[in-house]
Amino acid sequence: MASSSTDLSIKIWDVQEYKCVRTLRGHDHTISAVRFVPPSIGALYLEKSDSSSNAPGAEAAAGGAMGGVDASVAGSKFLVSASRDQTVKFWDIETGFCDNTISDHGDWVRCIAVRPASAAPSSSSSGKVKPGEAGSEEAAGGGGEGATSSSPVSSLALVATSGNDRTIYVYNAHDKREKVCELRGHDHVVESLSFLCSSLLPQKGTTSKPSTSSVAAAGGVSSSWDYLASGSRDRSVRLWSIAGGGSCLMTFRAHENWVRGVLVHPSGNHILSCGDDRSIRVFDIKSNRCLRTIEDAHPHFVTSLAMHHTLPILVSGGVDHTIKCWQLD
């Protein structure tokens, strides 16, 4: 587990022994968010780590060289952080060194979203959701720079960042960490980001999404494009397409105050959001409308959302110092 703070440090914790195993320093201001970066080539790196750890004396060497941080246990070798110092940093958790610093943002970077790489590049473009179709917006102000990577966007591990400058930057999470696209359209601070893989979306002309087994059979490869959801203080939730330079597909404007958190439902059919209007809302992507609203979900601002990995349980947190668990239909 990793945590960040106003003390300008990032700490990595062993959740089994409840102790800090490494502290990372390098930011010059408050660290707003931190995420583990998914492995670049599936489990190849982890398998290499496992094989090396089985060598004679490897365990003792790992304890000294890595300071108690085992990338195979953490599930990732790198960590990405966002800060009020206007930078995004990538960290090697084994060495504790900053591996790369990105300074594209012009103001406080508040939020991060990460997405694992597909097992192989996508070869199909069927099921593409185009701006102007299915309730999408052609003139929503979205779009930006074209992808600089030669790899298809659907096959890349991605990191998205945003904050006070209202611009969302999407980067290749590995190699040279080059910029994939820029997304613009929000009129106020972007508070939250969440990725959505289109392999879970209903295909055009169908009423149901592909089964989990069919996605697994395809090796986890996205059928066409990839999507990102964002929530902002401009009271809107937006759904973006990352491919082709980026564009805004649709905008939901049901909230009556700042949107603090967004979350893509594992089914890929809905976006959940929360905000300072004390509500939790469920938006249907296919129909482009607010499907359900939980009014007064908390007696004060609702600031965060999380989903259980396997159970239909939503967790929310608020300024009222409480955490609530919700049973989803």
Protein backbone atom coordinates (compact mmCIF):
# COMPACT_ATOMS: atom_id res chain seq x y z
CA MET A 1 0.00 0.00 0.00
CA ALA A 2 1.18 3.55 -0.74
CA SER A 3 0.19 6.84 0.90
CA SER A 4 1.04 10.50 0.34
CA SER A 5 0.80 13.63 2.46
CA THR A 6 1.34 17.34 2.94
CA ASP A 7 4.67 16.42 4.57
CA LEU A 8 6.03 16.04 0.98
CA SER A 9 6.64 12.31 1.36
CA ILE A 10 5.29 9.08 -0.10
CA LYS A 11 5.33 6.03 2.13
CA ILE A 12 5.09 2.39 1.07
CA TRP A 13 3.58 0.08 3.67
CA ASP A 14 3.68 -3.63 4.35
CA VAL A 15 0.01 -4.28 5.12
CA GLN A 16 0.75 -7.65 6.66
CA GLU A 17 3.21 -6.36 9.24
CA TYR A 18 1.73 -2.84 9.46
CA LYS A 19 5.03 -1.05 8.97
CA CYS A 20 6.53 1.48 6.56
CA VAL A 21 9.11 -0.20 4.33
CA ARG A 22 10.19 2.78 2.22
CA THR A 23 9.82 6.57 2.12
CA LEU A 24 10.08 8.48 -1.15
CA ARG A 25 10.97 12.18 -1.23
CA GLY A 26 11.34 14.62 -4.11
CA HIS A 27 8.19 16.73 -4.44
CA ASP A 28 8.32 20.37 -3.34
CA HIS A 29 4.69 20.73 -2.26
CA THR A 30 1.64 18.75 -1.13
CA ILE A 31 1.35 15.33 -2.79
CA SER A 32 -2.27 14.97 -3.86
CA ALA A 33 -2.45 11.44 -5.24
CA VAL A 34 -0.38 8.29 -5.67
CA ARG A 35 -1.02 5.12 -7.68
CA PHE A 36 0.87 1.93 -8.52
CA VAL A 37 1.67 1.64 -12.24
CA PRO A 38 0.51 -1.68 -13.76
CA PRO A 39 3.27 -3.96 -15.15
CA SER A 40 4.19 -3.26 -18.77
CA ILE A 41 4.26 -6.80 -20.17
CA GLY A 42 1.73 -8.78 -18.17
CA ALA A 43 3.46 -10.93 -15.57
CA LEU A 44 6.82 -11.20 -17.33
CA TYR A 45 8.56 -8.87 -14.93
CA LEU A 46 6.96 -10.53 -11.92
CA GLU A 47 8.01 -13.97 -13.17
CA LYS A 48 11.55 -12.69 -13.51
CA SER A 49 11.41 -11.39 -9.96
CA ASP A 50 10.08 -14.71 -8.71
CA SER A 51 12.80 -16.70 -10.45
CA SER A 52 15.54 -14.44 -9.16
CA SER A 53 14.16 -14.60 -5.64
CA ASN A 54 14.47 -18.40 -5.71
CA ALA A 55 18.21 -18.20 -6.33
CA PRO A 56 20.54 -19.01 -3.39
CA GLY A 57 21.04 -15.95 -1.20
CA ALA A 58 18.52 -13.91 -3.22
CA GLU A 59 16.23 -13.32 -0.27
CA ALA A 60 18.98 -11.79 1.84
CA ALA A 61 20.19 -9.70 -1.09
CA ALA A 62 16.67 -8.48 -1.81
CA GLY A 63 16.23 -7.36 1.77
CA GLY A 64 19.33 -5.23 1.58
CA ALA A 65 19.02 -3.91 -1.98
CA MET A 66 15.31 -3.23 -2.01
CA GLY A 67 14.82 -2.06 1.57
CA GLY A 68 12.01 -4.55 2.14
CA VAL A 69 10.06 -3.65 -1.04
CA ASP A 70 9.38 -6.67 -3.27
CA ALA A 71 7.92 -5.63 -6.63
CA SER A 72 6.48 -9.11 -7.18
CA VAL A 73 4.46 -8.73 -3.98
CA ALA A 74 3.46 -5.14 -4.69
CA GLY A 75 2.35 -6.17 -8.18
CA SER A 76 4.24 -3.27 -9.74
CA LYS A 77 7.75 -1.91 -10.00
CA PHE A 78 6.72 1.73 -10.36
CA LEU A 79 4.62 4.28 -8.55
CA VAL A 80 3.21 7.52 -9.99
CA SER A 81 2.46 10.62 -7.90
CA ALA A 82 0.80 14.00 -8.48
CA SER A 83 1.61 17.15 -6.55
CA ARG A 84 0.77 20.78 -5.95
CA ASP A 85 4.29 21.54 -7.24
CA GLN A 86 2.73 21.06 -10.73
CA THR A 87 4.65 17.86 -11.47
CA VAL A 88 3.90 14.18 -11.98
CA LYS A 89 6.67 11.81 -10.87
CA PHE A 90 7.34 8.12 -11.58
CA TRP A 91 9.18 6.24 -8.83
CA ASP A 92 11.11 2.98 -8.83
CA ILE A 93 9.85 1.39 -5.62
CA GLU A 94 12.81 -0.99 -5.38
CA THR A 95 15.50 1.69 -5.47
CA GLY A 96 13.42 4.54 -4.06
CA PHE A 97 14.64 6.88 -6.81
CA CYS A 98 12.51 9.15 -9.01
CA ASP A 99 12.61 7.56 -12.46
CA ASN A 100 10.93 10.36 -14.41
CA THR A 101 9.40 13.81 -13.82
CA ILE A 102 6.69 15.29 -16.06
CA SER A 103 6.07 19.04 -15.92
CA ASP A 104 3.29 19.54 -18.49
CA HIS A 105 0.75 20.86 -16.00
CA GLY A 106 0.61 24.57 -15.26
CA ASP A 107 -1.01 24.30 -11.84
CA TRP A 108 -1.78 21.94 -8.96
CA VAL A 109 -2.06 18.30 -10.14
CA ARG A 110 -4.82 16.74 -8.05
CA CYS A 111 -5.81 13.36 -9.47
CA ILE A 112 -4.43 10.27 -11.20
CA ALA A 113 -5.97 7.28 -12.97
CA VAL A 114 -4.09 4.23 -14.25
CA ARG A 115 -5.01 1.53 -16.73
CA PRO A 116 -3.19 -1.78 -17.36
CA ALA A 117 -1.85 -2.70 -20.79
CA SER A 118 -3.66 -5.20 -22.98
CA ALA A 119 -1.96 -8.49 -23.74
CA ALA A 120 -1.75 -7.55 -27.42
CA PRO A 121 -2.74 -4.68 -29.71
CA SER A 122 -6.35 -4.59 -30.82
CA SER A 123 -6.98 -5.54 -34.44
CA SER A 124 -10.65 -4.65 -34.66
CA SER A 125 -12.36 -1.30 -34.76
CA SER A 126 -15.91 -2.61 -34.45
CA GLY A 127 -17.94 -1.26 -31.62
CA LYS A 128 -16.35 2.17 -31.88
CA VAL A 129 -18.37 4.91 -30.23
CA LYS A 130 -18.07 7.97 -32.40
CA PRO A 131 -18.68 11.58 -31.32
CA GLY A 132 -22.21 12.47 -32.35
CA GLU A 133 -23.53 8.93 -31.92
CA ALA A 134 -25.34 7.42 -28.93
CA GLY A 135 -25.77 10.77 -27.25
CA SER A 136 -22.15 11.84 -27.61
CA GLU A 137 -21.03 15.43 -28.06
CA GLU A 138 -19.11 16.64 -31.09
CA ALA A 139 -18.69 20.16 -29.78
CA ALA A 140 -18.00 19.49 -26.14
CA GLY A 141 -14.58 21.12 -26.25
CA GLY A 142 -12.80 17.78 -26.03
CA GLY A 143 -9.82 16.66 -28.01
CA GLY A 144 -6.21 17.56 -28.10
CA GLU A 145 -2.83 16.45 -29.32
CA GLY A 146 -2.48 13.22 -31.26
CA ALA A 147 -0.83 10.14 -29.83
CA THR A 148 2.95 10.21 -30.02
CA SER A 149 3.35 6.47 -29.44
CA SER A 150 3.57 4.08 -32.39
CA SER A 151 1.67 1.43 -30.41
CA PRO A 152 -2.15 1.31 -30.60
CA VAL A 153 -3.64 3.14 -27.63
CA SER A 154 -5.71 0.07 -26.75
CA SER A 155 -2.56 -1.94 -26.04
CA LEU A 156 -0.78 0.60 -23.82
CA ALA A 157 -0.66 0.87 -20.06
CA LEU A 158 -1.84 4.44 -19.45
CA VAL A 159 -1.65 7.10 -16.76
CA ALA A 160 -4.05 10.06 -16.80
CA THR A 161 -3.52 13.18 -14.67
CA SER A 162 -5.39 16.44 -14.14
CA GLY A 163 -6.09 19.21 -11.65
CA ASN A 164 -6.38 22.96 -11.38
CA ASP A 165 -5.34 23.70 -14.96
CA ARG A 166 -8.47 21.81 -16.15
CA THR A 167 -6.47 19.85 -18.76
CA ILE A 168 -6.33 16.06 -18.68
CA TYR A 169 -3.02 14.58 -19.86
CA VAL A 170 -2.77 10.91 -20.80
CA TYR A 171 0.66 9.23 -20.92
CA ASN A 172 2.14 5.89 -21.85
CA ALA A 173 2.92 4.46 -18.42
CA HIS A 174 6.16 2.81 -19.56
CA ASP A 175 9.16 3.34 -21.85
CA LYS A 176 9.71 7.08 -22.33
CA ARG A 177 6.37 8.00 -20.72
CA GLU A 178 5.41 9.96 -23.82
CA LYS A 179 2.16 11.89 -24.01
CA VAL A 180 -0.70 10.07 -25.72
CA CYS A 181 -3.25 12.90 -25.79
CA GLU A 182 -4.57 16.04 -24.11
CA LEU A 183 -8.25 16.41 -23.21
CA ARG A 184 -9.83 19.83 -22.70
CA GLY A 185 -13.41 20.85 -22.00
CA HIS A 186 -13.92 21.27 -18.26
CA ASP A 187 -14.48 24.83 -17.03
CA HIS A 188 -13.17 24.32 -13.51
CA VAL A 189 -10.77 22.16 -11.49
CA VAL A 190 -10.83 18.44 -12.36
CA GLU A 191 -11.18 16.48 -9.12
CA SER A 192 -11.33 12.84 -10.22
CA LEU A 193 -10.51 10.46 -13.10
CA SER A 194 -11.43 6.85 -13.85
CA PHE A 195 -10.59 4.63 -16.83
CA LEU A 196 -13.09 2.50 -18.75
CA CYS A 197 -12.10 -0.25 -21.18
CA SER A 198 -14.47 -0.52 -24.16
CA SER A 199 -14.31 -4.34 -24.19
CA LEU A 200 -16.95 -4.17 -21.45
CA LEU A 201 -19.25 -1.81 -23.37
CA PRO A 202 -22.27 -2.99 -25.37
CA GLN A 203 -21.40 -3.20 -29.05
CA LYS A 204 -23.27 -0.96 -31.46
CA GLY A 205 -26.64 -2.46 -32.38
CA THR A 206 -26.74 -4.81 -29.35
CA THR A 207 -28.44 -4.52 -26.00
CA SER A 208 -26.03 -6.50 -23.86
CA LYS A 209 -22.36 -6.30 -23.05
CA PRO A 210 -19.88 -9.09 -23.83
CA SER A 211 -19.57 -11.65 -21.07
CA THR A 212 -16.59 -11.66 -18.76
CA SER A 213 -15.56 -15.02 -20.18
CA SER A 214 -15.45 -13.66 -23.74
CA VAL A 215 -13.27 -10.80 -22.63
CA ALA A 216 -10.96 -13.23 -20.85
CA ALA A 217 -10.83 -15.44 -23.92
CA ALA A 218 -9.64 -12.47 -25.94
CA GLY A 219 -6.72 -12.11 -23.56
CA GLY A 220 -8.13 -8.95 -22.01
CA VAL A 221 -7.65 -7.05 -25.29
CA SER A 222 -9.93 -4.09 -25.81
CA SER A 223 -12.25 -4.61 -28.78
CA SER A 224 -11.62 -1.12 -30.14
CA TRP A 225 -11.17 2.06 -28.14
CA ASP A 226 -10.61 3.06 -24.55
CA TYR A 227 -12.44 5.58 -22.44
CA LEU A 228 -11.85 7.86 -19.48
CA ALA A 229 -14.38 9.44 -17.12
CA SER A 230 -13.73 12.73 -15.31
CA GLY A 231 -15.47 14.74 -12.62
CA SER A 232 -15.03 18.47 -12.10
CA ARG A 233 -15.92 21.46 -9.97
CA ASP A 234 -17.88 22.70 -13.00
CA ARG A 235 -20.55 20.22 -11.75
CA SER A 236 -20.17 17.94 -14.77
CA VAL A 237 -19.09 14.36 -15.40
CA ARG A 238 -17.55 13.73 -18.81
CA LEU A 239 -16.79 10.59 -20.79
CA TRP A 240 -13.79 10.83 -23.12
CA SER A 241 -12.43 8.72 -25.95
CA ILE A 242 -8.63 8.53 -25.77
CA ALA A 243 -8.04 7.20 -29.27
CA GLY A 244 -7.37 9.43 -32.26
CA GLY A 245 -6.08 12.34 -30.21
CA GLY A 246 -8.96 12.34 -27.74
CA SER A 247 -12.52 13.68 -27.80
CA CYS A 248 -15.44 14.21 -25.44
CA LEU A 249 -18.20 11.69 -26.11
CA MET A 250 -20.81 12.89 -23.63
CA THR A 251 -21.35 15.19 -20.67
CA PHE A 252 -23.61 14.55 -17.67
CA ARG A 253 -24.81 17.66 -15.81
CA ALA A 254 -27.06 16.33 -13.06
CA HIS A 255 -24.98 17.43 -10.04
CA GLU A 256 -25.88 20.68 -8.29
CA ASN A 257 -22.42 21.33 -6.84
CA TRP A 258 -18.79 20.28 -7.30
CA VAL A 259 -18.21 16.70 -8.46
CA ARG A 260 -15.58 15.18 -6.16
CA GLY A 261 -15.36 11.58 -7.32
CA VAL A 262 -16.09 9.46 -10.40
CA LEU A 263 -15.98 5.71 -10.79
CA VAL A 264 -16.68 3.48 -13.76
CA HIS A 265 -18.84 0.51 -12.81
CA PRO A 266 -17.11 -2.84 -13.54
CA SER A 267 -19.87 -3.70 -16.03
CA GLY A 268 -18.76 -0.77 -18.18
CA ASN A 269 -22.37 0.38 -18.53
CA HIS A 270 -22.49 3.06 -15.85
CA ILE A 271 -20.52 5.91 -14.31
CA LEU A 272 -20.98 6.57 -10.60
CA SER A 273 -20.23 9.97 -9.13
CA CYS A 274 -20.41 11.90 -5.89
CA GLY A 275 -20.11 15.53 -4.95
CA ASP A 276 -20.65 18.48 -2.70
CA ASP A 277 -24.42 18.31 -3.28
CA ARG A 278 -24.24 15.34 -0.86
CA SER A 279 -25.52 12.94 -3.51
CA ILE A 280 -24.31 9.81 -5.26
CA ARG A 281 -25.49 9.51 -8.85
CA VAL A 282 -25.53 6.69 -11.38
CA PHE A 283 -25.28 7.64 -15.05
CA ASP A 284 -26.19 5.27 -17.86
CA ILE A 285 -23.62 5.51 -20.64
CA LYS A 286 -25.79 4.00 -23.37
CA SER A 287 -28.77 6.31 -22.83
CA ASN A 288 -26.68 9.33 -21.72
CA ARG A 289 -28.86 10.09 -18.69
CA CYS A 290 -28.89 10.01 -14.91
CA LEU A 291 -30.34 6.64 -14.02
CA ARG A 292 -30.50 6.96 -10.23
CA THR A 293 -29.76 9.49 -7.50
CA ILE A 294 -29.10 8.83 -3.82
CA GLU A 295 -30.01 12.15 -2.21
CA ASP A 296 -28.35 13.05 1.10
CA ALA A 297 -26.05 10.04 0.86
CA HIS A 298 -24.01 11.81 3.53
CA PRO A 299 -25.01 14.79 5.72
CA HIS A 300 -22.02 16.71 4.28
CA PHE A 301 -19.91 16.72 1.09
CA VAL A 302 -19.33 13.25 -0.43
CA THR A 303 -15.68 13.17 -1.45
CA SER A 304 -14.77 9.64 -2.56
CA LEU A 305 -16.09 6.40 -4.03
CA ALA A 306 -14.76 2.85 -4.35
CA MET A 307 -16.14 -0.46 -5.59
CA HIS A 308 -15.56 -3.93 -4.19
CA HIS A 309 -13.59 -6.01 -6.73
CA THR A 310 -16.05 -8.90 -6.85
CA LEU A 311 -19.18 -7.97 -4.90
CA PRO A 312 -21.86 -5.40 -5.86
CA ILE A 313 -20.88 -3.11 -2.99
CA LEU A 314 -20.14 0.60 -3.32
CA VAL A 315 -18.21 2.43 -0.61
CA SER A 316 -18.45 6.20 -0.10
CA GLY A 317 -16.59 8.61 2.15
CA GLY A 318 -17.48 12.14 3.18
CA VAL A 319 -16.53 15.24 5.08
CA ASP A 320 -18.84 13.98 7.86
CA HIS A 321 -16.02 11.57 8.88
CA THR A 322 -18.05 8.49 7.95
CA ILE A 323 -17.66 5.64 5.44
CA LYS A 324 -20.81 4.02 4.08
CA CYS A 325 -21.29 0.74 2.22
CA TRP A 326 -24.08 0.52 -0.35
CA GLN A 327 -25.62 -2.64 -1.79
CA LEU A 328 -26.03 -2.14 -5.54
CA ASP A 329 -28.89 -3.63 -7.54
